[in-house]
Amino acid sequence: MANEKELALLKEFAPQIEHTNLIQAVWMFFLAAVVGLGFYALYVQIAEGHEVTGMRDNVVWGIYIVNFIFFMGVSYAGALISGTLHLFRAEWRKPINRIAEYITIIALLIGPCYILLCIGRLDRLQYLVLYGRIQSPITWDVIAISTDLFGCFIFLYLAVLRDIAAIRDFQAIRIPKWKRKLYTWLALGYTGTTEQRERLHRATDVMAAMVIAIAVIVYSVLAWIFSVTLQPGWHSTIFGPYFVIAAVFSGCGVMIVVMWLFRKLYHLEKYITRKHFVNVGVLMLILAALFGYFTFSDYLTKWYGSERNDELLISLLFDEYYWLFILSNYVGVLLPMVVVGIKRLRTINNITISAVIVVLALWVNRYLIVVPTLESPYLPIQDSRPEWLFYSSTWVEWALTAAGIAFFALAFTIASKFIPIINVSEMADSSTLEDEEILT
């Protein structure tokens, strides 16, 4: 049975589910149009082949793989943040935990699609399952991602079950019959009895712990795809933890940006307050320090070891990728440390701006891991045209990149129209928190 606080919250958030205003409709139409442009670019790529992309003999991976690594990292960060905060019973997490859960699932749906864009023969995709070799790190990644997707779906479903049942029973909400039937079907007969709540609580705890473990394992497996090769710039023993830290770092940035957007879109100022931005910002500061340490350790050992990758390091530190290197490994690390570390600068807008730069810097970091390394092989192709040796992305790749970002935003918007972006049931169980409860 819903208590009075839960009913009041449902009544407050009901307009989000009942109807869509003009601004939201225009926003969703714009995002759908960008996704449509991506489908047109995909048609062009399938019809004309991979020559419409910038990928060539040396650089066989481009921004598709960069996007894959980035979205997968964001998804694992959402799982780690939501699962960890749930297990530690952090009271301040309740207004923002659903955002982390949505980030996990939506990014996890988008990331693997970019792998498919790199495959020239999609009609042979089933062979990866039928004849996959367990010795191959690619097969490890397929198994790991499939397991992670299944586990995260269960965790998300358990997390939203109480709200689904509450909306089902809230008769004052004006929704179509098909939508109410959908809520009834998804609620699976949950009525909120003491026994059901205890079982749901235990199951959610178990899945939270599993999701955390799976996230660490899966992103480590993704890192091993690079580090088990002998390619200069990739052969590193710290790539596993380095990728995990980078994933959570970028995920914190994405989470802050999404918090800011939905706070403005649905006027959630009294629920998503300064303390949430500061608390997630403190996590981002800690991760920035760890990421900076791993980056320094990685490049120091490569430079001091004098391996046959001098061209790669020179291009990153002094040549064509110098400014991108500065953005990803200096600005992206130091800015959140300064903004969050200095109390006077710790405003919602400053933290959000630093989070946007962190997200951009981490995407550039993935680009610097993939592209310059492939442009600096041990055995370069002789007497070939420069455009075959070096990478330059085309409009097709950028259109599909924009489509992935647009789908992420569109899926988030649609999800918030079905289930409130604030966890109503957990908020109804919590006591009022003061603004001073900050992780400092």
Protein backbone atom coordinates (compact mmCIF):
# COMPACT_ATOMS: atom_id res chain seq x y z
CA MET A 1 0.00 0.00 0.00
CA ALA A 2 1.38 3.40 -0.96
CA ASN A 3 1.98 5.81 1.92
CA GLU A 4 0.99 9.47 1.87
CA LYS A 5 4.47 10.67 0.86
CA GLU A 6 4.60 8.26 -2.06
CA LEU A 7 1.17 9.36 -3.28
CA ALA A 8 2.23 13.00 -3.06
CA LEU A 9 5.36 12.27 -5.07
CA LEU A 10 3.40 10.31 -7.69
CA LYS A 11 0.98 13.20 -8.02
CA GLU A 12 3.90 15.63 -8.46
CA PHE A 13 5.66 13.52 -11.10
CA ALA A 14 2.46 12.40 -12.89
CA PRO A 15 2.66 15.20 -15.53
CA GLN A 16 6.00 13.77 -16.71
CA ILE A 17 4.23 10.52 -17.60
CA GLU A 18 0.82 11.84 -18.67
CA HIS A 19 1.73 14.22 -21.47
CA THR A 20 4.56 15.73 -23.51
CA ASN A 21 4.78 19.49 -23.96
CA LEU A 22 5.81 21.26 -27.15
CA ILE A 23 9.46 21.78 -26.16
CA GLN A 24 9.87 18.11 -25.27
CA ALA A 25 8.18 17.05 -28.53
CA VAL A 26 10.49 19.28 -30.59
CA TRP A 27 13.49 17.96 -28.67
CA MET A 28 12.51 14.35 -29.30
CA PHE A 29 11.81 15.07 -32.99
CA PHE A 30 15.26 16.64 -33.36
CA LEU A 31 16.94 13.65 -31.73
CA ALA A 32 14.93 11.25 -33.91
CA ALA A 33 16.04 13.21 -37.00
CA VAL A 34 19.70 12.86 -36.00
CA VAL A 35 19.19 9.12 -35.49
CA GLY A 36 17.55 9.01 -38.94
CA LEU A 37 20.62 10.71 -40.44
CA GLY A 38 22.70 7.97 -38.82
CA PHE A 39 20.58 5.29 -40.50
CA TYR A 40 21.12 7.01 -43.85
CA ALA A 41 24.88 7.03 -43.22
CA LEU A 42 24.69 3.32 -42.36
CA TYR A 43 22.86 2.67 -45.65
CA VAL A 44 25.60 4.53 -47.53
CA GLN A 45 28.29 2.50 -45.76
CA ILE A 46 26.58 -0.83 -46.50
CA ALA A 47 25.88 0.11 -50.12
CA GLU A 48 29.31 1.52 -50.97
CA GLY A 49 31.54 -0.36 -48.54
CA HIS A 50 34.03 0.77 -45.93
CA GLU A 51 35.79 3.04 -48.41
CA VAL A 52 33.28 5.75 -47.39
CA THR A 53 34.94 5.74 -43.95
CA GLY A 54 38.45 6.84 -43.08
CA MET A 55 39.55 3.32 -42.09
CA ARG A 56 42.33 1.95 -44.29
CA ASP A 57 45.11 -0.65 -44.28
CA ASN A 58 47.03 0.71 -41.28
CA VAL A 59 44.20 2.23 -39.25
CA VAL A 60 41.64 -0.58 -39.43
CA TRP A 61 39.82 0.92 -36.42
CA GLY A 62 38.64 4.50 -36.16
CA ILE A 63 36.11 6.49 -34.18
CA TYR A 64 33.69 3.54 -34.25
CA ILE A 65 35.95 1.69 -31.83
CA VAL A 66 36.55 4.92 -29.90
CA ASN A 67 32.77 5.25 -29.46
CA PHE A 68 32.50 1.58 -28.51
CA ILE A 69 35.10 1.94 -25.75
CA PHE A 70 33.57 5.21 -24.55
CA PHE A 71 29.94 4.02 -24.35
CA MET A 72 30.91 0.74 -22.75
CA GLY A 73 32.94 2.64 -20.17
CA VAL A 74 30.02 4.95 -19.42
CA SER A 75 27.73 1.94 -18.96
CA TYR A 76 30.11 0.23 -16.54
CA ALA A 77 30.54 3.48 -14.63
CA GLY A 78 26.77 3.71 -14.20
CA ALA A 79 26.70 0.15 -12.89
CA LEU A 80 29.56 0.75 -10.46
CA ILE A 81 28.12 4.02 -9.16
CA SER A 82 24.54 2.80 -8.73
CA GLY A 83 25.55 -0.59 -7.34
CA THR A 84 28.13 0.80 -4.91
CA LEU A 85 25.89 3.57 -3.59
CA HIS A 86 23.07 1.06 -3.18
CA LEU A 87 25.18 -1.37 -1.16
CA PHE A 88 26.60 1.37 1.04
CA ARG A 89 23.07 2.69 1.67
CA ALA A 90 24.15 6.25 0.87
CA GLU A 91 21.01 8.21 1.67
CA TRP A 92 21.87 11.08 -0.68
CA ARG A 93 21.94 8.70 -3.67
CA LYS A 94 18.17 8.21 -3.82
CA PRO A 95 17.23 11.14 -6.11
CA ILE A 96 20.02 10.33 -8.59
CA ASN A 97 20.41 6.56 -8.47
CA ARG A 98 17.89 5.98 -11.27
CA ILE A 99 19.91 8.26 -13.53
CA ALA A 100 22.93 6.00 -13.01
CA GLU A 101 20.81 2.91 -13.68
CA TYR A 102 19.45 4.36 -16.93
CA ILE A 103 22.97 5.36 -18.00
CA THR A 104 24.08 1.76 -17.52
CA ILE A 105 21.44 0.17 -19.71
CA ILE A 106 21.20 2.79 -22.47
CA ALA A 107 24.96 3.09 -22.96
CA LEU A 108 25.26 -0.71 -22.88
CA LEU A 109 22.73 -0.95 -25.72
CA ILE A 110 24.58 1.61 -27.85
CA GLY A 111 28.20 0.56 -27.33
CA PRO A 112 28.20 -2.86 -29.04
CA CYS A 113 26.46 -1.37 -32.11
CA TYR A 114 29.70 0.40 -33.02
CA ILE A 115 31.49 -2.92 -33.17
CA LEU A 116 28.96 -4.03 -35.80
CA LEU A 117 29.75 -0.90 -37.84
CA CYS A 118 33.36 -2.08 -38.15
CA ILE A 119 32.34 -5.44 -39.62
CA GLY A 120 32.36 -5.53 -43.40
CA ARG A 121 30.22 -8.68 -43.65
CA LEU A 122 27.32 -8.40 -41.22
CA ASP A 123 25.79 -11.47 -42.87
CA ARG A 124 28.55 -13.51 -41.20
CA LEU A 125 27.92 -12.13 -37.73
CA GLN A 126 26.42 -15.40 -36.49
CA TYR A 127 29.76 -17.12 -37.06
CA LEU A 128 31.13 -15.26 -34.05
CA VAL A 129 28.73 -17.27 -31.89
CA LEU A 130 28.79 -20.51 -33.84
CA TYR A 131 32.55 -20.75 -34.38
CA GLY A 132 34.02 -18.37 -31.82
CA ARG A 133 37.38 -19.48 -30.40
CA ILE A 134 37.64 -19.24 -26.64
CA GLN A 135 41.35 -18.43 -27.06
CA SER A 136 40.41 -15.13 -28.72
CA PRO A 137 39.98 -11.98 -26.57
CA ILE A 138 37.19 -10.94 -28.97
CA THR A 139 35.21 -14.00 -27.90
CA TRP A 140 35.89 -13.13 -24.26
CA ASP A 141 34.40 -9.69 -24.91
CA VAL A 142 31.26 -11.10 -26.55
CA ILE A 143 30.65 -13.40 -23.57
CA ALA A 144 31.39 -10.63 -21.06
CA ILE A 145 29.16 -8.02 -22.71
CA SER A 146 26.26 -10.47 -23.08
CA THR A 147 26.54 -11.41 -19.40
CA ASP A 148 26.75 -7.77 -18.35
CA LEU A 149 23.72 -6.79 -20.43
CA PHE A 150 21.64 -9.59 -18.90
CA GLY A 151 22.72 -8.75 -15.34
CA CYS A 152 22.19 -5.00 -15.72
CA PHE A 153 18.69 -5.51 -17.13
CA ILE A 154 17.76 -7.59 -14.09
CA PHE A 155 19.25 -5.00 -11.72
CA LEU A 156 17.37 -2.16 -13.44
CA TYR A 157 14.12 -4.11 -13.41
CA LEU A 158 14.41 -4.84 -9.68
CA ALA A 159 15.23 -1.18 -9.03
CA VAL A 160 12.12 0.13 -10.85
CA LEU A 161 9.68 -2.60 -9.80
CA ARG A 162 8.25 -0.72 -6.82
CA ASP A 163 7.65 2.40 -8.90
CA ILE A 164 5.98 0.37 -11.65
CA ALA A 165 3.60 -1.15 -9.09
CA ALA A 166 2.94 2.27 -7.54
CA ILE A 167 2.03 3.80 -10.92
CA ARG A 168 -0.18 0.80 -11.68
CA ASP A 169 -2.16 1.42 -8.50
CA PHE A 170 -2.25 5.23 -8.79
CA GLN A 171 -5.72 5.75 -10.23
CA ALA A 172 -5.47 9.54 -10.43
CA ILE A 173 -2.89 9.36 -13.22
CA ARG A 174 -4.35 9.86 -16.72
CA ILE A 175 -2.67 7.38 -19.02
CA PRO A 176 -3.94 5.23 -21.94
CA LYS A 177 -5.32 1.78 -21.18
CA TRP A 178 -2.48 0.06 -23.03
CA LYS A 179 0.03 1.86 -20.85
CA ARG A 180 -1.73 0.86 -17.63
CA LYS A 181 -1.89 -2.75 -18.87
CA LEU A 182 1.83 -2.55 -19.54
CA TYR A 183 2.48 -1.40 -15.96
CA THR A 184 0.24 -4.21 -14.68
CA TRP A 185 2.13 -6.81 -16.69
CA LEU A 186 5.56 -5.47 -15.67
CA ALA A 187 4.63 -5.29 -11.97
CA LEU A 188 4.23 -9.11 -11.87
CA GLY A 189 1.68 -8.98 -9.07
CA TYR A 190 3.88 -6.96 -6.71
CA THR A 191 1.69 -5.45 -3.96
CA GLY A 192 4.29 -4.28 -1.45
CA THR A 193 3.74 -6.85 1.29
CA THR A 194 6.43 -7.20 3.93
CA GLU A 195 7.60 -10.53 2.51
CA GLN A 196 7.75 -9.17 -1.05
CA ARG A 197 9.71 -6.12 0.04
CA GLU A 198 12.24 -8.24 1.94
CA ARG A 199 12.71 -10.54 -1.03
CA LEU A 200 13.06 -7.60 -3.40
CA HIS A 201 15.56 -5.97 -1.07
CA ARG A 202 17.72 -9.10 -0.86
CA ALA A 203 17.54 -9.71 -4.61
CA THR A 204 18.54 -6.11 -5.36
CA ASP A 205 21.51 -6.36 -2.98
CA VAL A 206 22.68 -9.57 -4.67
CA MET A 207 22.34 -8.07 -8.16
CA ALA A 208 24.09 -4.85 -7.11
CA ALA A 209 27.10 -6.85 -5.92
CA MET A 210 27.06 -8.96 -9.09
CA VAL A 211 26.78 -5.91 -11.35
CA ILE A 212 29.81 -4.31 -9.68
CA ALA A 213 31.90 -7.46 -10.14
CA ILE A 214 30.74 -7.97 -13.73
CA ALA A 215 31.47 -4.34 -14.62
CA VAL A 216 35.07 -4.58 -13.41
CA ILE A 217 35.60 -7.91 -15.16
CA VAL A 218 34.01 -6.86 -18.45
CA TYR A 219 35.92 -3.62 -18.82
CA SER A 220 39.14 -5.39 -17.88
CA VAL A 221 38.44 -7.90 -20.66
CA LEU A 222 37.92 -4.99 -23.06
CA ALA A 223 41.28 -3.57 -22.00
CA TRP A 224 42.96 -6.93 -22.57
CA ILE A 225 41.89 -6.86 -26.24
CA PHE A 226 44.45 -4.09 -26.56
CA SER A 227 47.09 -5.00 -23.97
CA VAL A 228 47.61 -8.65 -25.02
CA THR A 229 48.79 -7.48 -28.45
CA LEU A 230 52.38 -6.46 -29.22
CA GLN A 231 51.25 -3.22 -30.85
CA PRO A 232 53.32 -0.26 -29.59
CA GLY A 233 51.25 1.86 -27.26
CA TRP A 234 48.92 -1.00 -26.30
CA HIS A 235 51.19 -3.65 -24.79
CA SER A 236 50.84 -2.61 -21.15
CA THR A 237 50.18 -4.50 -17.93
CA ILE A 238 48.19 -1.64 -16.35
CA PHE A 239 45.58 -1.29 -19.12
CA GLY A 240 42.99 -3.26 -17.09
CA PRO A 241 42.82 -0.96 -14.03
CA TYR A 242 43.58 2.05 -16.26
CA PHE A 243 40.48 1.38 -18.37
CA VAL A 244 38.29 0.77 -15.31
CA ILE A 245 39.34 4.05 -13.68
CA ALA A 246 38.86 5.92 -16.98
CA ALA A 247 35.40 4.36 -17.37
CA VAL A 248 34.18 5.44 -13.94
CA PHE A 249 35.78 8.86 -14.43
CA SER A 250 33.92 9.47 -17.69
CA GLY A 251 30.73 7.99 -16.21
CA CYS A 252 30.80 10.51 -13.35
CA GLY A 253 31.07 13.30 -15.93
CA VAL A 254 28.14 11.97 -17.96
CA MET A 255 26.08 11.55 -14.79
CA ILE A 256 26.64 15.16 -13.74
CA VAL A 257 25.64 16.42 -17.19
CA VAL A 258 22.47 14.29 -17.21
CA MET A 259 21.62 15.42 -13.67
CA TRP A 260 21.91 19.06 -14.78
CA LEU A 261 19.76 18.52 -17.88
CA PHE A 262 16.91 16.69 -16.13
CA ARG A 263 17.06 19.10 -13.22
CA LYS A 264 16.31 21.90 -15.68
CA LEU A 265 13.89 19.91 -17.86
CA TYR A 266 11.60 18.69 -15.06
CA HIS A 267 12.33 21.43 -12.48
CA LEU A 268 13.82 19.02 -9.94
CA GLU A 269 15.76 21.68 -8.01
CA LYS A 270 14.40 20.57 -4.64
CA TYR A 271 15.38 16.92 -5.25
CA ILE A 272 18.65 17.18 -7.19
CA THR A 273 20.44 19.82 -5.15
CA ARG A 274 23.92 21.24 -4.86
CA LYS A 275 24.94 18.45 -2.51
CA HIS A 276 24.40 15.85 -5.25
CA PHE A 277 26.58 17.75 -7.71
CA VAL A 278 29.28 18.24 -5.08
CA ASN A 279 29.19 14.61 -3.94
CA VAL A 280 29.45 13.23 -7.47
CA GLY A 281 32.02 15.95 -8.16
CA VAL A 282 34.13 14.71 -5.24
CA LEU A 283 34.04 11.23 -6.75
CA MET A 284 35.11 12.76 -10.06
CA LEU A 285 37.99 14.58 -8.33
CA ILE A 286 39.27 11.35 -6.75
CA LEU A 287 39.01 9.51 -10.06
CA ALA A 288 40.77 12.37 -11.85
CA ALA A 289 43.73 11.96 -9.50
CA LEU A 290 43.80 8.19 -10.05
CA PHE A 291 43.45 8.58 -13.82
CA GLY A 292 46.27 11.12 -13.88
CA TYR A 293 48.49 8.75 -11.90
CA PHE A 294 47.83 5.81 -14.25
CA THR A 295 48.39 8.00 -17.32
CA PHE A 296 51.70 9.28 -15.95
CA SER A 297 52.83 5.76 -15.05
CA ASP A 298 51.91 4.40 -18.48
CA TYR A 299 53.67 7.05 -20.54
CA LEU A 300 56.69 7.30 -18.23
CA THR A 301 57.52 3.60 -18.53
CA LYS A 302 57.02 3.68 -22.32
CA TRP A 303 59.23 6.72 -22.73
CA TYR A 304 61.97 5.61 -20.34
CA GLY A 305 61.99 2.06 -21.70
CA SER A 306 63.03 3.31 -25.17
CA GLU A 307 60.99 0.69 -27.01
CA ARG A 308 60.38 0.84 -30.73
CA ASN A 309 57.52 3.27 -30.34
CA ASP A 310 59.42 6.56 -30.42
CA GLU A 311 57.36 7.81 -33.35
CA LEU A 312 54.14 7.23 -31.41
CA LEU A 313 55.34 9.06 -28.31
CA ILE A 314 56.76 11.95 -30.33
CA SER A 315 53.46 12.37 -32.21
CA LEU A 316 51.56 12.40 -28.90
CA LEU A 317 53.88 14.58 -26.85
CA PHE A 318 55.37 16.98 -29.37
CA ASP A 319 53.81 16.65 -32.82
CA GLU A 320 50.37 16.40 -34.49
CA TYR A 321 48.49 15.06 -31.46
CA TYR A 322 50.09 17.45 -28.97
CA TRP A 323 47.02 19.62 -28.31
CA LEU A 324 44.69 16.63 -28.07
CA PHE A 325 47.12 15.09 -25.58
CA ILE A 326 47.09 18.31 -23.52
CA LEU A 327 43.27 18.36 -23.51
CA SER A 328 42.82 14.72 -22.54
CA ASN A 329 45.61 14.29 -20.01
CA TYR A 330 46.12 17.75 -18.53
CA VAL A 331 42.96 19.86 -18.87
CA GLY A 332 40.62 16.89 -18.34
CA VAL A 333 42.51 15.87 -15.19
CA LEU A 334 43.37 19.19 -13.57
CA LEU A 335 40.15 21.12 -14.22
CA PRO A 336 37.80 18.96 -12.08
CA MET A 337 40.46 18.86 -9.34
CA VAL A 338 40.61 22.66 -9.26
CA VAL A 339 36.84 23.27 -9.56
CA VAL A 340 35.79 20.69 -6.98
CA GLY A 341 38.86 21.09 -4.77
CA ILE A 342 38.40 24.85 -4.25
CA LYS A 343 35.24 25.41 -2.23
CA ARG A 344 34.55 28.85 -3.70
CA LEU A 345 34.39 27.38 -7.22
CA ARG A 346 32.10 24.51 -6.20
CA THR A 347 28.90 25.70 -7.87
CA ILE A 348 26.45 23.59 -9.84
CA ASN A 349 27.28 25.30 -13.13
CA ASN A 350 31.06 25.13 -12.61
CA ILE A 351 30.92 21.43 -11.74
CA THR A 352 28.74 20.77 -14.80
CA ILE A 353 31.08 22.68 -17.13
CA SER A 354 34.05 20.74 -15.78
CA ALA A 355 32.08 17.50 -16.27
CA VAL A 356 31.42 18.38 -19.93
CA ILE A 357 35.14 18.95 -20.47
CA VAL A 358 35.94 15.68 -18.67
CA VAL A 359 33.58 13.76 -20.98
CA LEU A 360 35.16 15.37 -24.05
CA ALA A 361 38.68 14.75 -22.70
CA LEU A 362 37.98 11.08 -21.99
CA TRP A 363 36.59 10.59 -25.51
CA VAL A 364 39.77 12.20 -26.90
CA ASN A 365 41.82 9.94 -24.63
CA ARG A 366 40.22 6.86 -26.22
CA TYR A 367 40.95 8.37 -29.65
CA LEU A 368 44.61 8.79 -28.73
CA ILE A 369 44.76 5.17 -27.57
CA VAL A 370 43.33 3.81 -30.83
CA VAL A 371 44.31 5.97 -33.82
CA PRO A 372 47.92 7.14 -33.25
CA THR A 373 48.88 3.62 -32.19
CA LEU A 374 47.55 2.11 -35.40
CA GLU A 375 49.31 4.83 -37.39
CA SER A 376 52.63 3.69 -35.86
CA PRO A 377 52.95 -0.06 -36.56
CA TYR A 378 56.14 -2.09 -36.16
CA LEU A 379 56.07 -2.91 -39.89
CA PRO A 380 54.67 0.06 -41.82
CA ILE A 381 53.32 -0.54 -45.30
CA GLN A 382 55.88 0.48 -47.93
CA ASP A 383 55.29 2.80 -50.90
CA SER A 384 51.65 3.50 -50.07
CA ARG A 385 49.69 6.69 -50.39
CA PRO A 386 49.65 8.80 -47.17
CA GLU A 387 45.84 8.67 -46.99
CA TRP A 388 46.11 4.88 -46.70
CA LEU A 389 48.58 5.12 -43.83
CA PHE A 390 46.91 7.83 -41.78
CA TYR A 391 43.38 8.21 -40.54
CA SER A 392 40.89 10.96 -41.25
CA SER A 393 37.27 10.36 -40.27
CA THR A 394 34.49 11.06 -42.78
CA TRP A 395 30.97 12.46 -42.51
CA VAL A 396 29.59 8.91 -42.41
CA GLU A 397 31.49 8.15 -39.22
CA TRP A 398 30.59 11.47 -37.63
CA ALA A 399 26.92 11.03 -38.59
CA LEU A 400 26.81 7.61 -36.92
CA THR A 401 28.62 9.05 -33.88
CA ALA A 402 26.03 11.83 -33.61
CA ALA A 403 23.28 9.22 -34.03
CA GLY A 404 24.63 7.27 -31.05
CA ILE A 405 24.68 10.38 -28.86
CA ALA A 406 21.18 11.35 -30.05
CA PHE A 407 19.84 7.86 -29.34
CA PHE A 408 21.33 8.03 -25.84
CA ALA A 409 19.48 11.30 -25.17
CA LEU A 410 16.28 10.10 -26.88
CA ALA A 411 16.19 6.82 -24.94
CA PHE A 412 16.74 8.73 -21.69
CA THR A 413 13.88 11.10 -22.51
CA ILE A 414 11.50 8.27 -23.45
CA ALA A 415 12.42 6.28 -20.33
CA SER A 416 11.63 9.29 -18.15
CA LYS A 417 8.16 9.45 -19.77
CA PHE A 418 7.41 5.90 -18.57
CA ILE A 419 9.02 5.82 -15.13
CA PRO A 420 9.90 8.98 -13.13
CA ILE A 421 13.55 9.94 -13.28
CA ILE A 422 13.42 10.24 -9.47
CA ASN A 423 13.03 6.99 -7.52
CA VAL A 424 9.62 7.68 -5.97
CA SER A 425 9.47 4.62 -3.70
CA GLU A 426 12.91 5.13 -2.18
CA MET A 427 12.33 8.85 -1.76
CA ALA A 428 9.10 8.06 0.09
CA ASP A 429 11.06 5.83 2.48
CA SER A 430 13.76 8.42 3.17
CA SER A 431 13.85 11.26 5.60
CA THR A 432 14.52 14.81 4.50
CA LEU A 433 18.23 15.47 3.93
CA GLU A 434 19.97 18.71 4.67
CA ASP A 435 22.00 20.55 2.05
CA GLU A 436 25.10 20.38 4.23
CA GLU A 437 25.39 16.60 3.96
CA ILE A 438 28.28 16.69 1.51
CA LEU A 439 31.24 14.34 1.02
CA THR A 440 33.88 16.87 2.08
